[in-house]
Amino acid sequence: MTAPISDSPVLRPEVIAASLPNFKPVATDEIVTIGDRTGIFTPLTAKGSDNTDNLSKIVEVLRSELAEARSSNAALQARVDELSTPARSADNLAEGVQNALDSLSDRLGTMTNTTSNFAVREFTLESKVHVDVTPVGTIGFQFVKPGEVVNAAALSTVTLTVVPIPKPLPDPVDATPAGAVVRAPDAPVESLGLSAAQSAALRGAHIATTSEFARVATHATATAELVSMLGISRAELGRYTLLAGLLTVPGLDPVKAQVLYESGIHDVATLAAAKPATVVTRYAKAAAGVEGVGKWRPKPEDAAAWVAAAKSLSQTR
């Protein structure tokens, strides 16, 4: 360590006192050079004195900061654990039964018995489930995990009897009968373009898909709760609801639905009433202002398919 240079300027003890509350200055600070670095040397004890009050106070400050850091780390770890756990939505019960039946049927179907084949004729389930009613009015039925602490008042017994029904064979001539309404596969709620926090809030309220969102968002009693939950305006809520409706049209993905919305085609009814040529023109103009669109643009036959599907959907509403 290099000794302080003789003509080094000094800092007043009050500077140290202001930077660390209750710190008692014992001498003036000096600017020193250690190797090729220059810094400020702050005496913590006076020469010839055994007073360690300043050291004790610094230890107290460090302990306090360590406690805050541990508390913050614990909160962050709890958040990580929460996000790492798969979201439990309103269809947990259905998914659990589906997985159990699929697995059981597969195993029975592969049994190597020389005299008989086996299948599930009926499936009866009786189980305790946790019933959760959210502020937006959705109800979730969730299996109770082993060791999970649940309010007894929120427990209910559910009894299901599942019977097999033969799947209808598709008509090889016309796989889509006349008048049949075809909807796009239900999309996850993230398809609306919400933030991760907003999507997590919806899933926590048992709203996991765009159709579930559209159904709840159109209830007047749930509108205020959704606005507060997502931190958006009523106008923004309306926009997300209309986007959810557009996503029911076969052929439309989140980006295409977003472009159509920005082009002025806000809902299924407007799309159903539009001419394919108009849809192509509007889409091309609006696409430049939407992020992630790419170079693809709909052809007249694409727009005609969207319009036809939208007309079919509009007739059922």
C-alpha atoms as a PDB file:
ATOM      1  CA  MET A   1       0.000   0.000   0.000  1.00  0.00           C
ATOM      2  CA  THR A   2       1.365   3.380  -1.024  1.00  0.00           C
ATOM      3  CA  ALA A   3       1.488   6.048   1.658  1.00  0.00           C
ATOM      4  CA  PRO A   4      -0.841   9.043   1.223  1.00  0.00           C
ATOM      5  CA  ILE A   5       0.677  11.801  -0.838  1.00  0.00           C
ATOM      6  CA  SER A   6       1.675  14.741   1.278  1.00  0.00           C
ATOM      7  CA  ASP A   7      -0.279  17.438  -0.516  1.00  0.00           C
ATOM      8  CA  SER A   8      -3.507  15.433  -0.805  1.00  0.00           C
ATOM      9  CA  PRO A   9      -6.697  17.416  -0.257  1.00  0.00           C
ATOM     10  CA  VAL A  10      -8.913  16.387   2.607  1.00  0.00           C
ATOM     11  CA  LEU A  11     -12.674  15.835   2.889  1.00  0.00           C
ATOM     12  CA  ARG A  12     -14.610  17.219   5.790  1.00  0.00           C
ATOM     13  CA  PRO A  13     -15.854  14.675   8.353  1.00  0.00           C
ATOM     14  CA  GLU A  14     -19.431  15.909   7.733  1.00  0.00           C
ATOM     15  CA  VAL A  15     -19.326  14.302   4.273  1.00  0.00           C
ATOM     16  CA  ILE A  16     -18.912  10.878   5.804  1.00  0.00           C
ATOM     17  CA  ALA A  17     -21.590  11.590   8.403  1.00  0.00           C
ATOM     18  CA  ALA A  18     -24.041  12.526   5.648  1.00  0.00           C
ATOM     19  CA  SER A  19     -23.335   9.367   3.657  1.00  0.00           C
ATOM     20  CA  LEU A  20     -23.704   6.990   6.571  1.00  0.00           C
ATOM     21  CA  PRO A  21     -26.222   8.012   9.257  1.00  0.00           C
ATOM     22  CA  ASN A  22     -24.952   7.938  12.840  1.00  0.00           C
ATOM     23  CA  PHE A  23     -21.391   7.463  11.662  1.00  0.00           C
ATOM     24  CA  LYS A  24     -19.041   9.371  13.966  1.00  0.00           C
ATOM     25  CA  PRO A  25     -16.111  10.950  12.108  1.00  0.00           C
ATOM     26  CA  VAL A  26     -12.842  10.355  13.902  1.00  0.00           C
ATOM     27  CA  ALA A  27     -10.499  12.064  11.432  1.00  0.00           C
ATOM     28  CA  THR A  28     -10.498  13.741   8.061  1.00  0.00           C
ATOM     29  CA  ASP A  29     -10.702  11.696   4.864  1.00  0.00           C
ATOM     30  CA  GLU A  30      -7.696  11.711   2.569  1.00  0.00           C
ATOM     31  CA  ILE A  31      -7.171  10.929  -1.086  1.00  0.00           C
ATOM     32  CA  VAL A  32      -4.636   8.136  -1.403  1.00  0.00           C
ATOM     33  CA  THR A  33      -3.051   6.206  -4.239  1.00  0.00           C
ATOM     34  CA  ILE A  34      -2.777   2.427  -4.044  1.00  0.00           C
ATOM     35  CA  GLY A  35      -0.830   1.019  -6.933  1.00  0.00           C
ATOM     36  CA  ASP A  36      -2.254   2.769  -9.997  1.00  0.00           C
ATOM     37  CA  ARG A  37      -5.589   3.594  -8.364  1.00  0.00           C
ATOM     38  CA  THR A  38      -6.519   6.730  -6.477  1.00  0.00           C
ATOM     39  CA  GLY A  39      -9.325   6.744  -3.943  1.00  0.00           C
ATOM     40  CA  ILE A  40     -10.608   8.085  -0.657  1.00  0.00           C
ATOM     41  CA  PHE A  41      -9.293   6.749   2.634  1.00  0.00           C
ATOM     42  CA  THR A  42     -11.836   6.991   5.489  1.00  0.00           C
ATOM     43  CA  PRO A  43     -10.502   6.326   9.001  1.00  0.00           C
ATOM     44  CA  LEU A  44     -12.904   4.237  11.044  1.00  0.00           C
ATOM     45  CA  THR A  45     -10.983   4.425  14.312  1.00  0.00           C
ATOM     46  CA  ALA A  46      -8.838   7.179  15.789  1.00  0.00           C
ATOM     47  CA  LYS A  47      -5.141   6.687  16.215  1.00  0.00           C
ATOM     48  CA  GLY A  48      -4.372   5.409  19.685  1.00  0.00           C
ATOM     49  CA  SER A  49      -8.075   4.834  20.487  1.00  0.00           C
ATOM     50  CA  ASP A  50      -9.803   1.531  21.144  1.00  0.00           C
ATOM     51  CA  ASN A  51     -13.259   2.914  20.298  1.00  0.00           C
ATOM     52  CA  THR A  52     -14.948   0.580  17.774  1.00  0.00           C
ATOM     53  CA  ASP A  53     -18.365   2.276  17.642  1.00  0.00           C
ATOM     54  CA  ASN A  54     -18.021   3.051  13.937  1.00  0.00           C
ATOM     55  CA  LEU A  55     -17.104  -0.530  13.129  1.00  0.00           C
ATOM     56  CA  SER A  56     -20.121  -1.797  15.062  1.00  0.00           C
ATOM     57  CA  LYS A  57     -22.415   0.587  13.209  1.00  0.00           C
ATOM     58  CA  ILE A  58     -21.041  -0.532   9.857  1.00  0.00           C
ATOM     59  CA  VAL A  59     -21.612  -4.145  10.852  1.00  0.00           C
ATOM     60  CA  GLU A  60     -25.216  -3.266  11.769  1.00  0.00           C
ATOM     61  CA  VAL A  61     -25.726  -1.624   8.383  1.00  0.00           C
ATOM     62  CA  LEU A  62     -24.282  -4.659   6.576  1.00  0.00           C
ATOM     63  CA  ARG A  63     -26.448  -7.023   8.613  1.00  0.00           C
ATOM     64  CA  SER A  64     -29.528  -4.986   7.735  1.00  0.00           C
ATOM     65  CA  GLU A  65     -28.643  -5.035   4.051  1.00  0.00           C
ATOM     66  CA  LEU A  66     -28.002  -8.774   4.211  1.00  0.00           C
ATOM     67  CA  ALA A  67     -31.403  -9.359   5.822  1.00  0.00           C
ATOM     68  CA  GLU A  68     -33.094  -7.289   3.098  1.00  0.00           C
ATOM     69  CA  ALA A  69     -31.201  -9.185   0.399  1.00  0.00           C
ATOM     70  CA  ARG A  70     -32.254 -12.524   1.886  1.00  0.00           C
ATOM     71  CA  SER A  71     -35.865 -11.393   2.083  1.00  0.00           C
ATOM     72  CA  SER A  72     -35.750 -10.200  -1.521  1.00  0.00           C
ATOM     73  CA  ASN A  73     -34.162 -13.469  -2.644  1.00  0.00           C
ATOM     74  CA  ALA A  74     -36.823 -15.461  -0.835  1.00  0.00           C
ATOM     75  CA  ALA A  75     -39.575 -13.470  -2.552  1.00  0.00           C
ATOM     76  CA  LEU A  76     -37.904 -13.909  -5.934  1.00  0.00           C
ATOM     77  CA  GLN A  77     -37.467 -17.644  -5.361  1.00  0.00           C
ATOM     78  CA  ALA A  78     -41.139 -17.959  -4.439  1.00  0.00           C
ATOM     79  CA  ARG A  79     -42.034 -16.146  -7.642  1.00  0.00           C
ATOM     80  CA  VAL A  80     -39.764 -18.427  -9.681  1.00  0.00           C
ATOM     81  CA  ASP A  81     -41.365 -21.490  -8.074  1.00  0.00           C
ATOM     82  CA  GLU A  82     -44.808 -20.102  -8.871  1.00  0.00           C
ATOM     83  CA  LEU A  83     -43.926 -19.461 -12.509  1.00  0.00           C
ATOM     84  CA  SER A  84     -42.225 -22.839 -12.809  1.00  0.00           C
ATOM     85  CA  THR A  85     -45.394 -24.628 -11.735  1.00  0.00           C
ATOM     86  CA  PRO A  86     -47.710 -25.315 -14.682  1.00  0.00           C
ATOM     87  CA  ALA A  87     -50.775 -23.097 -14.660  1.00  0.00           C
ATOM     88  CA  ARG A  88     -53.811 -24.811 -13.202  1.00  0.00           C
ATOM     89  CA  SER A  89     -56.800 -23.812 -15.282  1.00  0.00           C
ATOM     90  CA  ALA A  90     -60.489 -24.633 -15.228  1.00  0.00           C
ATOM     91  CA  ASP A  91     -60.026 -27.712 -17.403  1.00  0.00           C
ATOM     92  CA  ASN A  92     -57.721 -29.523 -14.974  1.00  0.00           C
ATOM     93  CA  LEU A  93     -60.485 -31.966 -14.149  1.00  0.00           C
ATOM     94  CA  ALA A  94     -61.237 -32.717 -17.787  1.00  0.00           C
ATOM     95  CA  GLU A  95     -57.558 -33.028 -18.686  1.00  0.00           C
ATOM     96  CA  GLY A  96     -56.927 -35.373 -15.776  1.00  0.00           C
ATOM     97  CA  VAL A  97     -59.809 -37.658 -16.760  1.00  0.00           C
ATOM     98  CA  GLN A  98     -58.779 -37.517 -20.425  1.00  0.00           C
ATOM     99  CA  ASN A  99     -55.182 -38.486 -19.692  1.00  0.00           C
ATOM    100  CA  ALA A 100     -56.289 -41.306 -17.411  1.00  0.00           C
ATOM    101  CA  LEU A 101     -58.713 -42.726 -19.980  1.00  0.00           C
ATOM    102  CA  ASP A 102     -56.261 -42.410 -22.861  1.00  0.00           C
ATOM    103  CA  SER A 103     -53.548 -44.192 -20.905  1.00  0.00           C
ATOM    104  CA  LEU A 104     -55.892 -46.922 -19.659  1.00  0.00           C
ATOM    105  CA  SER A 105     -57.399 -47.531 -23.116  1.00  0.00           C
ATOM    106  CA  ASP A 106     -53.970 -47.712 -24.742  1.00  0.00           C
ATOM    107  CA  ARG A 107     -52.726 -50.242 -22.223  1.00  0.00           C
ATOM    108  CA  LEU A 108     -55.836 -52.402 -22.485  1.00  0.00           C
ATOM    109  CA  GLY A 109     -55.658 -52.282 -26.278  1.00  0.00           C
ATOM    110  CA  THR A 110     -52.122 -53.645 -26.307  1.00  0.00           C
ATOM    111  CA  MET A 111     -52.707 -56.545 -23.923  1.00  0.00           C
ATOM    112  CA  THR A 112     -51.320 -59.806 -25.337  1.00  0.00           C
ATOM    113  CA  ASN A 113     -54.165 -62.062 -24.294  1.00  0.00           C
ATOM    114  CA  THR A 114     -54.782 -64.970 -26.696  1.00  0.00           C
ATOM    115  CA  THR A 115     -58.498 -65.313 -25.949  1.00  0.00           C
ATOM    116  CA  SER A 116     -59.953 -61.850 -25.327  1.00  0.00           C
ATOM    117  CA  ASN A 117     -59.628 -58.166 -26.104  1.00  0.00           C
ATOM    118  CA  PHE A 118     -60.387 -55.619 -23.424  1.00  0.00           C
ATOM    119  CA  ALA A 119     -61.695 -52.057 -23.493  1.00  0.00           C
ATOM    120  CA  VAL A 120     -63.131 -49.520 -21.081  1.00  0.00           C
ATOM    121  CA  ARG A 121     -66.914 -49.808 -21.200  1.00  0.00           C
ATOM    122  CA  GLU A 122     -67.652 -47.373 -18.395  1.00  0.00           C
ATOM    123  CA  PHE A 123     -65.423 -45.244 -16.233  1.00  0.00           C
ATOM    124  CA  THR A 124     -66.627 -43.974 -12.863  1.00  0.00           C
ATOM    125  CA  LEU A 125     -64.680 -41.412 -10.872  1.00  0.00           C
ATOM    126  CA  GLU A 126     -65.424 -40.102  -7.400  1.00  0.00           C
ATOM    127  CA  SER A 127     -62.938 -37.620  -6.024  1.00  0.00           C
ATOM    128  CA  LYS A 128     -62.551 -34.590  -3.834  1.00  0.00           C
ATOM    129  CA  VAL A 129     -61.903 -31.417  -5.816  1.00  0.00           C
ATOM    130  CA  HIS A 130     -61.167 -27.832  -4.894  1.00  0.00           C
ATOM    131  CA  VAL A 131     -63.809 -25.400  -6.117  1.00  0.00           C
ATOM    132  CA  ASP A 132     -62.497 -21.911  -6.851  1.00  0.00           C
ATOM    133  CA  VAL A 133     -64.794 -19.028  -7.790  1.00  0.00           C
ATOM    134  CA  THR A 134     -62.877 -16.024  -9.162  1.00  0.00           C
ATOM    135  CA  PRO A 135     -63.921 -12.336  -9.093  1.00  0.00           C
ATOM    136  CA  VAL A 136     -64.842 -12.542 -12.802  1.00  0.00           C
ATOM    137  CA  GLY A 137     -67.308 -15.350 -12.122  1.00  0.00           C
ATOM    138  CA  THR A 138     -65.368 -18.295 -13.517  1.00  0.00           C
ATOM    139  CA  ILE A 139     -65.356 -21.553 -11.587  1.00  0.00           C
ATOM    140  CA  GLY A 140     -62.432 -23.918 -11.488  1.00  0.00           C
ATOM    141  CA  PHE A 141     -62.489 -27.559 -10.438  1.00  0.00           C
ATOM    142  CA  GLN A 142     -59.019 -28.717  -9.478  1.00  0.00           C
ATOM    143  CA  PHE A 143     -57.760 -31.974  -8.053  1.00  0.00           C
ATOM    144  CA  VAL A 144     -56.136 -31.548  -4.652  1.00  0.00           C
ATOM    145  CA  LYS A 145     -52.433 -32.371  -4.717  1.00  0.00           C
ATOM    146  CA  PRO A 146     -51.072 -34.755  -2.073  1.00  0.00           C
ATOM    147  CA  GLY A 147     -50.134 -32.800   1.028  1.00  0.00           C
ATOM    148  CA  GLU A 148     -51.782 -29.607  -0.238  1.00  0.00           C
ATOM    149  CA  VAL A 149     -53.504 -27.544   2.459  1.00  0.00           C
ATOM    150  CA  VAL A 150     -56.976 -26.551   1.256  1.00  0.00           C
ATOM    151  CA  ASN A 151     -59.842 -24.830   2.993  1.00  0.00           C
ATOM    152  CA  ALA A 152     -62.339 -27.576   3.813  1.00  0.00           C
ATOM    153  CA  ALA A 153     -65.226 -25.283   2.897  1.00  0.00           C
ATOM    154  CA  ALA A 154     -63.894 -25.097  -0.670  1.00  0.00           C
ATOM    155  CA  LEU A 155     -63.817 -28.877  -1.128  1.00  0.00           C
ATOM    156  CA  SER A 156     -66.535 -30.717  -3.000  1.00  0.00           C
ATOM    157  CA  THR A 157     -67.061 -34.287  -4.117  1.00  0.00           C
ATOM    158  CA  VAL A 158     -67.447 -34.849  -7.839  1.00  0.00           C
ATOM    159  CA  THR A 159     -68.777 -38.074  -9.322  1.00  0.00           C
ATOM    160  CA  LEU A 160     -68.391 -38.765 -13.035  1.00  0.00           C
ATOM    161  CA  THR A 161     -69.509 -41.714 -15.129  1.00  0.00           C
ATOM    162  CA  VAL A 162     -67.928 -41.706 -18.566  1.00  0.00           C
ATOM    163  CA  VAL A 163     -69.377 -44.018 -21.220  1.00  0.00           C
ATOM    164  CA  PRO A 164     -67.925 -44.641 -24.687  1.00  0.00           C
ATOM    165  CA  ILE A 165     -69.716 -43.287 -27.745  1.00  0.00           C
ATOM    166  CA  PRO A 166     -68.522 -44.462 -31.164  1.00  0.00           C
ATOM    167  CA  LYS A 167     -66.928 -41.704 -33.172  1.00  0.00           C
ATOM    168  CA  PRO A 168     -68.858 -40.848 -36.347  1.00  0.00           C
ATOM    169  CA  LEU A 169     -67.141 -41.929 -39.532  1.00  0.00           C
ATOM    170  CA  PRO A 170     -66.409 -39.045 -41.923  1.00  0.00           C
ATOM    171  CA  ASP A 171     -68.145 -39.052 -45.274  1.00  0.00           C
ATOM    172  CA  PRO A 172     -65.433 -39.824 -47.846  1.00  0.00           C
ATOM    173  CA  VAL A 173     -67.331 -37.818 -50.473  1.00  0.00           C
ATOM    174  CA  ASP A 174     -67.984 -34.690 -48.420  1.00  0.00           C
ATOM    175  CA  ALA A 175     -65.988 -34.489 -45.177  1.00  0.00           C
ATOM    176  CA  THR A 176     -67.728 -31.198 -44.335  1.00  0.00           C
ATOM    177  CA  PRO A 177     -71.510 -31.572 -44.621  1.00  0.00           C
ATOM    178  CA  ALA A 178     -73.448 -28.654 -46.049  1.00  0.00           C
ATOM    179  CA  GLY A 179     -74.393 -26.130 -43.397  1.00  0.00           C
ATOM    180  CA  ALA A 180     -71.774 -27.353 -40.930  1.00  0.00           C
ATOM    181  CA  VAL A 181     -70.017 -24.588 -39.029  1.00  0.00           C
ATOM    182  CA  VAL A 182     -66.250 -24.888 -38.908  1.00  0.00           C
ATOM    183  CA  ARG A 183     -64.341 -23.008 -36.234  1.00  0.00           C
ATOM    184  CA  ALA A 184     -60.632 -22.551 -35.853  1.00  0.00           C
ATOM    185  CA  PRO A 185     -59.036 -24.596 -33.044  1.00  0.00           C
ATOM    186  CA  ASP A 186     -59.263 -22.760 -29.756  1.00  0.00           C
ATOM    187  CA  ALA A 187     -56.131 -20.650 -29.253  1.00  0.00           C
ATOM    188  CA  PRO A 188     -54.340 -20.015 -25.949  1.00  0.00           C
ATOM    189  CA  VAL A 189     -55.065 -16.684 -24.327  1.00  0.00           C
ATOM    190  CA  GLU A 190     -51.499 -15.542 -25.092  1.00  0.00           C
ATOM    191  CA  SER A 191     -52.550 -15.295 -28.755  1.00  0.00           C
ATOM    192  CA  LEU A 192     -54.316 -12.023 -27.993  1.00  0.00           C
ATOM    193  CA  GLY A 193     -50.967 -10.254 -27.643  1.00  0.00           C
ATOM    194  CA  LEU A 194     -51.194  -9.759 -23.894  1.00  0.00           C
ATOM    195  CA  SER A 195     -48.123  -9.443 -21.716  1.00  0.00           C
ATOM    196  CA  ALA A 196     -46.844 -12.429 -19.776  1.00  0.00           C
ATOM    197  CA  ALA A 197     -48.163 -10.941 -16.520  1.00  0.00           C
ATOM    198  CA  GLN A 198     -51.609 -10.305 -18.029  1.00  0.00           C
ATOM    199  CA  SER A 199     -51.791 -13.819 -19.464  1.00  0.00           C
ATOM    200  CA  ALA A 200     -50.767 -15.279 -16.103  1.00  0.00           C
ATOM    201  CA  ALA A 201     -53.481 -13.239 -14.371  1.00  0.00           C
ATOM    202  CA  LEU A 202     -56.097 -14.601 -16.768  1.00  0.00           C
ATOM    203  CA  ARG A 203     -54.923 -18.179 -16.319  1.00  0.00           C
ATOM    204  CA  GLY A 204     -55.074 -17.644 -12.574  1.00  0.00           C
ATOM    205  CA  ALA A 205     -58.742 -16.752 -13.083  1.00  0.00           C
ATOM    206  CA  HIS A 206     -59.298 -20.008 -15.055  1.00  0.00           C
ATOM    207  CA  ILE A 207     -59.324 -18.202 -18.413  1.00  0.00           C
ATOM    208  CA  ALA A 208     -56.860 -20.162 -20.541  1.00  0.00           C
ATOM    209  CA  THR A 209     -58.179 -19.810 -24.096  1.00  0.00           C
ATOM    210  CA  THR A 210     -59.420 -17.038 -26.374  1.00  0.00           C
ATOM    211  CA  SER A 211     -62.946 -18.448 -26.403  1.00  0.00           C
ATOM    212  CA  GLU A 212     -63.057 -18.459 -22.611  1.00  0.00           C
ATOM    213  CA  PHE A 213     -61.807 -14.872 -22.616  1.00  0.00           C
ATOM    214  CA  ALA A 214     -64.459 -13.775 -25.134  1.00  0.00           C
ATOM    215  CA  ARG A 215     -67.197 -15.490 -23.149  1.00  0.00           C
ATOM    216  CA  VAL A 216     -66.227 -13.852 -19.853  1.00  0.00           C
ATOM    217  CA  ALA A 217     -65.392 -10.441 -21.348  1.00  0.00           C
ATOM    218  CA  THR A 218     -68.894 -10.093 -22.789  1.00  0.00           C
ATOM    219  CA  HIS A 219     -70.471 -10.399 -19.339  1.00  0.00           C
ATOM    220  CA  ALA A 220     -71.249  -6.945 -18.001  1.00  0.00           C
ATOM    221  CA  THR A 221     -70.566  -8.009 -14.418  1.00  0.00           C
ATOM    222  CA  ALA A 222     -67.045  -9.196 -15.282  1.00  0.00           C
ATOM    223  CA  THR A 223     -65.958  -6.202 -17.367  1.00  0.00           C
ATOM    224  CA  ALA A 224     -64.823  -4.030 -14.457  1.00  0.00           C
ATOM    225  CA  GLU A 225     -62.921  -6.921 -12.867  1.00  0.00           C
ATOM    226  CA  LEU A 226     -61.086  -7.702 -16.118  1.00  0.00           C
ATOM    227  CA  VAL A 227     -60.198  -4.038 -16.655  1.00  0.00           C
ATOM    228  CA  SER A 228     -58.727  -3.878 -13.154  1.00  0.00           C
ATOM    229  CA  MET A 229     -57.024  -7.278 -13.390  1.00  0.00           C
ATOM    230  CA  LEU A 230     -55.286  -6.523 -16.691  1.00  0.00           C
ATOM    231  CA  GLY A 231     -54.625  -2.838 -16.047  1.00  0.00           C
ATOM    232  CA  ILE A 232     -56.246  -1.757 -19.312  1.00  0.00           C
ATOM    233  CA  SER A 233     -59.067   0.542 -20.397  1.00  0.00           C
ATOM    234  CA  ARG A 234     -62.537  -0.612 -21.398  1.00  0.00           C
ATOM    235  CA  ALA A 235     -61.693   0.264 -24.998  1.00  0.00           C
ATOM    236  CA  GLU A 236     -58.630  -2.002 -24.886  1.00  0.00           C
ATOM    237  CA  LEU A 237     -60.710  -4.774 -23.334  1.00  0.00           C
ATOM    238  CA  GLY A 238     -63.161  -4.422 -26.209  1.00  0.00           C
ATOM    239  CA  ARG A 239     -60.309  -4.664 -28.708  1.00  0.00           C
ATOM    240  CA  TYR A 240     -59.003  -7.896 -27.166  1.00  0.00           C
ATOM    241  CA  THR A 241     -62.525  -9.311 -27.154  1.00  0.00           C
ATOM    242  CA  LEU A 242     -62.979  -8.586 -30.863  1.00  0.00           C
ATOM    243  CA  LEU A 243     -59.573 -10.112 -31.626  1.00  0.00           C
ATOM    244  CA  ALA A 244     -60.657 -13.244 -29.774  1.00  0.00           C
ATOM    245  CA  GLY A 245     -63.701 -13.379 -32.053  1.00  0.00           C
ATOM    246  CA  LEU A 246     -61.587 -13.038 -35.205  1.00  0.00           C
ATOM    247  CA  LEU A 247     -59.392 -15.919 -34.046  1.00  0.00           C
ATOM    248  CA  THR A 248     -62.392 -18.262 -34.360  1.00  0.00           C
ATOM    249  CA  VAL A 249     -62.234 -17.850 -38.149  1.00  0.00           C
ATOM    250  CA  PRO A 250     -60.327 -20.746 -39.751  1.00  0.00           C
ATOM    251  CA  GLY A 251     -57.153 -19.529 -41.441  1.00  0.00           C
ATOM    252  CA  LEU A 252     -56.603 -16.557 -39.155  1.00  0.00           C
ATOM    253  CA  ASP A 253     -53.702 -16.616 -36.724  1.00  0.00           C
ATOM    254  CA  PRO A 254     -52.848 -13.879 -34.166  1.00  0.00           C
ATOM    255  CA  VAL A 255     -50.868 -11.827 -36.705  1.00  0.00           C
ATOM    256  CA  LYS A 256     -53.475 -12.019 -39.475  1.00  0.00           C
ATOM    257  CA  ALA A 257     -56.260 -11.186 -37.018  1.00  0.00           C
ATOM    258  CA  GLN A 258     -54.255  -8.201 -35.783  1.00  0.00           C
ATOM    259  CA  VAL A 259     -53.766  -6.919 -39.355  1.00  0.00           C
ATOM    260  CA  LEU A 260     -57.472  -7.287 -40.140  1.00  0.00           C
ATOM    261  CA  TYR A 261     -58.353  -5.404 -36.966  1.00  0.00           C
ATOM    262  CA  GLU A 262     -55.978  -2.578 -37.850  1.00  0.00           C
ATOM    263  CA  SER A 263     -57.470  -2.466 -41.340  1.00  0.00           C
ATOM    264  CA  GLY A 264     -60.896  -1.661 -39.910  1.00  0.00           C
ATOM    265  CA  ILE A 265     -62.281  -5.201 -40.052  1.00  0.00           C
ATOM    266  CA  HIS A 266     -62.818  -5.435 -36.309  1.00  0.00           C
ATOM    267  CA  ASP A 267     -65.080  -8.437 -35.950  1.00  0.00           C
ATOM    268  CA  VAL A 268     -66.491 -11.537 -37.587  1.00  0.00           C
ATOM    269  CA  ALA A 269     -69.640  -9.774 -38.774  1.00  0.00           C
ATOM    270  CA  THR A 270     -67.643  -7.075 -40.583  1.00  0.00           C
ATOM    271  CA  LEU A 271     -65.452  -9.716 -42.225  1.00  0.00           C
ATOM    272  CA  ALA A 272     -68.537 -11.682 -43.296  1.00  0.00           C
ATOM    273  CA  ALA A 273     -70.006  -8.603 -44.973  1.00  0.00           C
ATOM    274  CA  ALA A 274     -66.793  -7.613 -46.774  1.00  0.00           C
ATOM    275  CA  LYS A 275     -65.884  -8.412 -50.362  1.00  0.00           C
ATOM    276  CA  PRO A 276     -62.750 -10.552 -50.801  1.00  0.00           C
ATOM    277  CA  ALA A 277     -61.130  -7.897 -52.992  1.00  0.00           C
ATOM    278  CA  THR A 278     -61.718  -5.304 -50.275  1.00  0.00           C
ATOM    279  CA  VAL A 279     -60.165  -7.582 -47.660  1.00  0.00           C
ATOM    280  CA  VAL A 280     -57.058  -8.056 -49.818  1.00  0.00           C
ATOM    281  CA  THR A 281     -56.663  -4.302 -50.338  1.00  0.00           C
ATOM    282  CA  ARG A 282     -57.207  -3.359 -46.698  1.00  0.00           C
ATOM    283  CA  TYR A 283     -54.892  -6.097 -45.453  1.00  0.00           C
ATOM    284  CA  ALA A 284     -52.071  -4.931 -47.716  1.00  0.00           C
ATOM    285  CA  LYS A 285     -52.394  -1.327 -46.508  1.00  0.00           C
ATOM    286  CA  ALA A 286     -52.555  -2.207 -42.804  1.00  0.00           C
ATOM    287  CA  ALA A 287     -49.825  -4.841 -42.845  1.00  0.00           C
ATOM    288  CA  ALA A 288     -47.024  -2.270 -43.054  1.00  0.00           C
ATOM    289  CA  GLY A 289     -47.925  -0.923 -39.612  1.00  0.00           C
ATOM    290  CA  VAL A 290     -48.113  -4.246 -37.776  1.00  0.00           C
ATOM    291  CA  GLU A 291     -44.983  -5.807 -36.334  1.00  0.00           C
ATOM    292  CA  GLY A 292     -44.060  -9.331 -37.370  1.00  0.00           C
ATOM    293  CA  VAL A 293     -46.279  -9.505 -40.451  1.00  0.00           C
ATOM    294  CA  GLY A 294     -43.577 -10.504 -42.913  1.00  0.00           C
ATOM    295  CA  LYS A 295     -43.976 -10.466 -46.669  1.00  0.00           C
ATOM    296  CA  TRP A 296     -47.008 -12.753 -46.924  1.00  0.00           C
ATOM    297  CA  ARG A 297     -50.209 -11.154 -48.208  1.00  0.00           C
ATOM    298  CA  PRO A 298     -53.566 -12.873 -48.756  1.00  0.00           C
ATOM    299  CA  LYS A 299     -54.604 -13.819 -52.263  1.00  0.00           C
ATOM    300  CA  PRO A 300     -58.225 -13.369 -53.381  1.00  0.00           C
ATOM    301  CA  GLU A 301     -58.913 -17.052 -52.697  1.00  0.00           C
ATOM    302  CA  ASP A 302     -57.542 -16.683 -49.141  1.00  0.00           C
ATOM    303  CA  ALA A 303     -59.764 -13.692 -48.473  1.00  0.00           C
ATOM    304  CA  ALA A 304     -62.750 -15.507 -50.018  1.00  0.00           C
ATOM    305  CA  ALA A 305     -62.210 -18.445 -47.649  1.00  0.00           C
ATOM    306  CA  TRP A 306     -62.054 -16.076 -44.644  1.00  0.00           C
ATOM    307  CA  VAL A 307     -65.248 -14.312 -45.707  1.00  0.00           C
ATOM    308  CA  ALA A 308     -67.084 -17.600 -46.260  1.00  0.00           C
ATOM    309  CA  ALA A 309     -66.012 -18.925 -42.875  1.00  0.00           C
ATOM    310  CA  ALA A 310     -67.017 -15.668 -41.193  1.00  0.00           C
ATOM    311  CA  LYS A 311     -70.453 -15.843 -42.822  1.00  0.00           C
ATOM    312  CA  SER A 312     -70.901 -19.375 -41.519  1.00  0.00           C
ATOM    313  CA  LEU A 313     -69.911 -18.284 -38.013  1.00  0.00           C
ATOM    314  CA  SER A 314     -72.161 -15.199 -38.127  1.00  0.00           C
ATOM    315  CA  GLN A 315     -75.216 -17.318 -38.882  1.00  0.00           C
ATOM    316  CA  THR A 316     -74.785 -19.197 -35.595  1.00  0.00           C
ATOM    317  CA  ARG A 317     -74.613 -16.078 -33.401  1.00  0.00           C
END
